[in-house]
Amino acid sequence: MFPGVMVDTNYRHTTVCFGDKVKVLGRVIDGLKDDLNVQQTGFVVWPAAMILSQHLVSHRELVRTGRVLEVGAGAGLPGLVAAALSQDPSGVVMTDYVEEAVDLMDMNIAETFANDNNRPKAAIMDWDDDPSVLQEHHGTFDVIIGSDVVYWPELIEPLIRTVKALLSNKRTSRFLMLYSRRNPKADVLLPRTAQKYRLDSTELSLEQNTVYQAVLKHPVYIEDVDMFHLYEFRHSHE
């Protein structure tokens, strides 16, 4: 996909606690102006991941039952939150395309589910690869989640193609994506590509999301209220 991205692990890390159950080892940046290079992005616990995690907490029925896949997981915060809310944490699979990110997720899984054999899994997945490989091992998923996963417009079609293949055909199945607006081209390509793969998209309100409201008060985001958007994609049954 993009060789060499997200493989620099030489940074000072911290532990992010989400609620009283989930602990994530990663890097927290001070908004968009922090000194960060592209090789470290996969190890950052981004605001988008926190906002999506809060959405899952507020709508826990989405992940209480059924199988959950996190794409572009990085440190894996939303996937760990989904697993903590699930009746069957082993039905949650967190994926990224570089081994170092999967290693980080394995550490975070062990931290949050230290004394529990019923735990989520971390796996390698490149959206340019045949998704049937992951499907053979883990099946399809009732809910797919992702945050800050389309930094490059070129990744939109591989992502949507992968989601289409791995999202189960249930009418209640959905892909929840917390999207950060950074590239006008991506803004146009995302709905167009979803339509191409017969996925209906709906924007969900973040007004009641307490983490979203807190993020907007940060000096970096206070003048950019249009930064974060939560989209839900479902199979078109027309």
Protein backbone atom coordinates (compact mmCIF):
# COMPACT_ATOMS: atom_id res chain seq x y z
CA MET A 1 0.00 0.00 0.00
CA PHE A 2 2.34 2.73 1.25
CA PRO A 3 5.61 0.99 2.25
CA GLY A 4 7.41 2.45 5.24
CA VAL A 5 4.44 4.32 6.67
CA MET A 6 3.74 3.83 10.39
CA VAL A 7 6.86 1.83 11.20
CA ASP A 8 8.81 4.31 13.33
CA THR A 9 8.29 3.22 16.94
CA ASN A 10 10.88 5.62 18.39
CA TYR A 11 8.57 7.92 20.35
CA ARG A 12 7.58 8.54 23.94
CA HIS A 13 4.35 6.72 24.66
CA THR A 14 1.66 7.11 27.25
CA THR A 15 -1.32 5.12 28.45
CA VAL A 16 -4.77 6.36 27.48
CA CYS A 17 -7.63 5.20 29.70
CA PHE A 18 -11.14 5.16 28.28
CA GLY A 19 -13.64 4.53 31.02
CA ASP A 20 -12.58 2.12 33.75
CA LYS A 21 -11.96 -0.90 31.53
CA VAL A 22 -9.92 0.07 28.49
CA LYS A 23 -6.23 1.02 28.57
CA VAL A 24 -4.38 1.81 25.36
CA LEU A 25 -0.66 2.30 24.94
CA GLY A 26 0.06 4.86 22.26
CA ARG A 27 0.99 8.45 21.60
CA VAL A 28 -1.28 11.39 22.30
CA ILE A 29 -0.62 14.53 20.29
CA ASP A 30 -1.46 18.09 21.20
CA GLY A 31 -3.78 18.72 18.28
CA LEU A 32 -2.59 18.93 14.68
CA LYS A 33 0.40 21.15 15.45
CA ASP A 34 2.32 18.58 17.44
CA ASP A 35 5.66 17.45 16.02
CA LEU A 36 4.60 14.27 14.23
CA ASN A 37 5.84 12.59 11.08
CA VAL A 38 3.84 10.29 8.86
CA GLN A 39 5.78 7.24 10.06
CA GLN A 40 4.26 7.61 13.53
CA THR A 41 0.61 8.16 12.63
CA GLY A 42 -0.43 4.56 13.27
CA PHE A 43 0.68 4.76 16.90
CA VAL A 44 -1.23 7.92 17.76
CA VAL A 45 -4.51 7.79 19.68
CA TRP A 46 -6.24 10.39 17.52
CA PRO A 47 -9.24 12.48 18.63
CA ALA A 48 -11.30 10.71 15.95
CA ALA A 49 -10.68 7.36 17.67
CA MET A 50 -11.85 8.81 20.98
CA ILE A 51 -14.97 10.29 19.40
CA LEU A 52 -15.86 7.00 17.71
CA SER A 53 -15.24 5.12 20.96
CA GLN A 54 -17.64 7.42 22.78
CA HIS A 55 -20.26 6.78 20.09
CA LEU A 56 -19.94 3.05 20.76
CA VAL A 57 -20.30 3.60 24.51
CA SER A 58 -23.43 5.69 23.94
CA HIS A 59 -24.87 3.11 21.52
CA ARG A 60 -23.53 -0.09 23.01
CA GLU A 61 -26.33 -2.14 21.49
CA LEU A 62 -24.45 -1.83 18.19
CA VAL A 63 -21.61 -4.03 19.42
CA ARG A 64 -23.14 -5.98 22.32
CA THR A 65 -23.76 -8.97 20.07
CA GLY A 66 -22.44 -9.92 16.65
CA ARG A 67 -18.99 -9.78 15.14
CA VAL A 68 -16.99 -6.54 14.93
CA LEU A 69 -14.05 -5.60 12.69
CA GLU A 70 -11.87 -2.54 13.15
CA VAL A 71 -10.00 -1.42 10.03
CA GLY A 72 -6.89 0.77 10.11
CA ALA A 73 -6.89 0.25 13.85
CA GLY A 74 -3.45 1.60 14.79
CA ALA A 75 -3.39 1.54 18.59
CA GLY A 76 -6.85 -0.04 18.54
CA LEU A 77 -8.88 2.12 20.93
CA PRO A 78 -12.32 1.76 19.23
CA GLY A 79 -11.84 -1.99 18.77
CA LEU A 80 -10.93 -2.45 22.43
CA VAL A 81 -13.95 -0.40 23.50
CA ALA A 82 -16.17 -2.54 21.25
CA ALA A 83 -14.71 -5.69 22.80
CA ALA A 84 -15.23 -4.38 26.33
CA LEU A 85 -18.89 -3.71 25.51
CA SER A 86 -19.43 -7.04 23.74
CA GLN A 87 -20.91 -10.19 25.23
CA ASP A 88 -18.27 -12.06 23.21
CA PRO A 89 -15.00 -10.10 23.01
CA SER A 90 -13.44 -12.89 20.93
CA GLY A 91 -15.79 -11.86 18.12
CA VAL A 92 -13.89 -8.57 17.71
CA VAL A 93 -10.98 -8.44 15.23
CA MET A 94 -8.70 -5.39 15.03
CA THR A 95 -6.62 -4.97 11.89
CA ASP A 96 -3.85 -2.90 10.42
CA TYR A 97 -1.49 -3.47 7.53
CA VAL A 98 1.88 -3.22 9.27
CA GLU A 99 3.27 -5.68 11.77
CA GLU A 100 4.39 -3.01 14.26
CA ALA A 101 0.83 -1.73 14.65
CA VAL A 102 -0.44 -5.28 15.19
CA ASP A 103 2.25 -5.79 17.83
CA LEU A 104 1.03 -2.63 19.59
CA MET A 105 -2.56 -3.88 19.45
CA ASP A 106 -1.49 -7.22 20.93
CA MET A 107 0.08 -5.35 23.87
CA ASN A 108 -3.08 -3.29 24.33
CA ILE A 109 -5.29 -6.37 24.17
CA ALA A 110 -3.18 -8.04 26.85
CA GLU A 111 -3.41 -4.92 29.03
CA THR A 112 -7.18 -4.59 28.82
CA PHE A 113 -7.98 -8.32 28.86
CA ALA A 114 -5.12 -9.40 31.11
CA ASN A 115 -6.95 -12.22 32.90
CA ASP A 116 -9.46 -13.20 30.26
CA ASN A 117 -9.02 -15.87 27.58
CA ASN A 118 -12.10 -14.49 25.83
CA ARG A 119 -10.33 -11.59 24.18
CA PRO A 120 -10.30 -9.78 20.81
CA LYS A 121 -7.74 -10.58 18.14
CA ALA A 122 -5.28 -8.44 16.19
CA ALA A 123 -4.49 -9.30 12.59
CA ILE A 124 -2.63 -8.04 9.54
CA MET A 125 -4.85 -6.77 6.72
CA ASP A 126 -3.87 -4.78 3.65
CA TRP A 127 -6.84 -3.36 1.76
CA ASP A 128 -5.04 -4.02 -1.51
CA ASP A 129 -5.03 -7.76 -0.75
CA ASP A 130 -7.87 -10.18 -1.38
CA PRO A 131 -10.24 -9.80 1.61
CA SER A 132 -11.23 -13.45 1.31
CA VAL A 133 -7.99 -14.31 3.14
CA LEU A 134 -9.23 -12.59 6.31
CA GLN A 135 -12.74 -13.92 5.70
CA GLU A 136 -11.49 -17.52 5.63
CA HIS A 137 -10.06 -17.09 9.13
CA HIS A 138 -12.65 -14.80 10.73
CA GLY A 139 -15.79 -14.80 8.57
CA THR A 140 -17.83 -11.69 7.84
CA PHE A 141 -18.77 -8.97 10.31
CA ASP A 142 -21.99 -7.37 11.50
CA VAL A 143 -20.31 -4.07 12.37
CA ILE A 144 -17.13 -2.62 10.87
CA ILE A 145 -15.58 0.45 12.49
CA GLY A 146 -12.79 2.81 11.49
CA SER A 147 -11.48 6.25 12.42
CA ASP A 148 -9.14 8.50 10.42
CA VAL A 149 -8.69 5.78 7.83
CA VAL A 150 -8.74 7.82 4.60
CA TYR A 151 -5.89 10.28 4.99
CA TRP A 152 -4.98 9.59 1.34
CA PRO A 153 -7.77 9.71 -1.28
CA GLU A 154 -6.08 6.77 -3.04
CA LEU A 155 -7.06 4.54 -0.11
CA ILE A 156 -10.79 5.19 -0.36
CA GLU A 157 -11.59 2.61 -3.03
CA PRO A 158 -9.47 -0.19 -1.48
CA LEU A 159 -11.13 0.54 1.87
CA ILE A 160 -14.69 0.56 0.54
CA ARG A 161 -14.06 -2.55 -1.57
CA THR A 162 -12.77 -4.36 1.53
CA VAL A 163 -15.71 -3.22 3.65
CA LYS A 164 -18.18 -4.35 0.98
CA ALA A 165 -16.63 -7.82 0.94
CA LEU A 166 -16.41 -8.29 4.72
CA LEU A 167 -19.69 -6.70 5.86
CA SER A 168 -22.32 -9.38 6.44
CA ASN A 169 -25.53 -9.23 4.41
CA LYS A 170 -27.82 -8.66 7.39
CA ARG A 171 -30.03 -5.59 7.06
CA THR A 172 -28.70 -4.35 10.39
CA SER A 173 -25.03 -4.61 9.34
CA ARG A 174 -23.16 -1.32 9.09
CA PHE A 175 -19.78 0.33 8.66
CA LEU A 176 -19.23 3.21 11.09
CA MET A 177 -16.49 5.61 10.07
CA LEU A 178 -15.34 8.68 11.96
CA TYR A 179 -14.05 10.84 9.13
CA SER A 180 -11.73 13.82 9.57
CA ARG A 181 -11.98 16.33 6.75
CA ARG A 182 -8.48 17.12 5.53
CA ASN A 183 -8.62 16.68 1.76
CA PRO A 184 -11.34 18.11 -0.53
CA LYS A 185 -10.71 15.33 -3.04
CA ALA A 186 -11.46 12.71 -0.40
CA ASP A 187 -14.66 14.55 0.53
CA VAL A 188 -15.90 14.00 -3.03
CA LEU A 189 -14.54 10.50 -3.56
CA LEU A 190 -15.94 8.94 -0.39
CA PRO A 191 -19.69 9.11 -1.18
CA ARG A 192 -19.07 8.48 -4.87
CA THR A 193 -17.10 5.31 -4.16
CA ALA A 194 -19.64 4.08 -1.63
CA GLN A 195 -22.35 4.47 -4.25
CA LYS A 196 -20.22 2.56 -6.78
CA TYR A 197 -20.07 -0.41 -4.38
CA ARG A 198 -23.79 -0.16 -3.54
CA LEU A 199 -23.34 1.11 -0.01
CA ASP A 200 -25.86 3.67 1.22
CA SER A 201 -24.34 6.37 3.43
CA THR A 202 -25.90 8.45 6.18
CA GLU A 203 -24.28 11.10 8.35
CA LEU A 204 -24.99 10.63 12.05
CA SER A 205 -25.17 13.49 14.51
CA LEU A 206 -22.32 14.05 16.97
CA GLU A 207 -24.09 16.76 18.94
CA GLN A 208 -24.67 14.49 21.96
CA ASN A 209 -21.16 13.02 21.83
CA THR A 210 -19.39 14.35 24.92
CA VAL A 211 -15.89 13.62 23.62
CA TYR A 212 -16.66 15.41 20.36
CA GLN A 213 -17.86 18.45 22.29
CA ALA A 214 -14.70 18.41 24.42
CA VAL A 215 -12.44 18.13 21.36
CA LEU A 216 -14.10 21.14 19.76
CA LYS A 217 -13.02 23.24 22.75
CA HIS A 218 -9.35 22.51 22.05
CA PRO A 219 -7.59 25.59 20.58
CA VAL A 220 -6.60 23.64 17.47
CA TYR A 221 -10.17 22.66 16.61
CA ILE A 222 -12.22 25.54 18.01
CA GLU A 223 -12.26 27.32 14.64
CA ASP A 224 -12.75 24.13 12.63
CA VAL A 225 -16.13 22.82 13.72
CA ASP A 226 -16.54 21.02 10.38
CA MET A 227 -13.53 18.75 10.99
CA PHE A 228 -15.18 15.56 12.26
CA HIS A 229 -18.03 13.63 10.65
CA LEU A 230 -19.54 10.27 11.57
CA TYR A 231 -20.84 8.26 8.62
CA GLU A 232 -22.79 5.02 8.58
CA PHE A 233 -22.65 2.81 5.48
CA ARG A 234 -25.06 -0.05 4.81
CA HIS A 235 -25.63 -2.43 1.94
CA SER A 236 -28.09 -1.05 -0.57
CA HIS A 237 -31.05 -3.45 -0.82
CA GLU A 238 -32.81 -1.65 -3.64
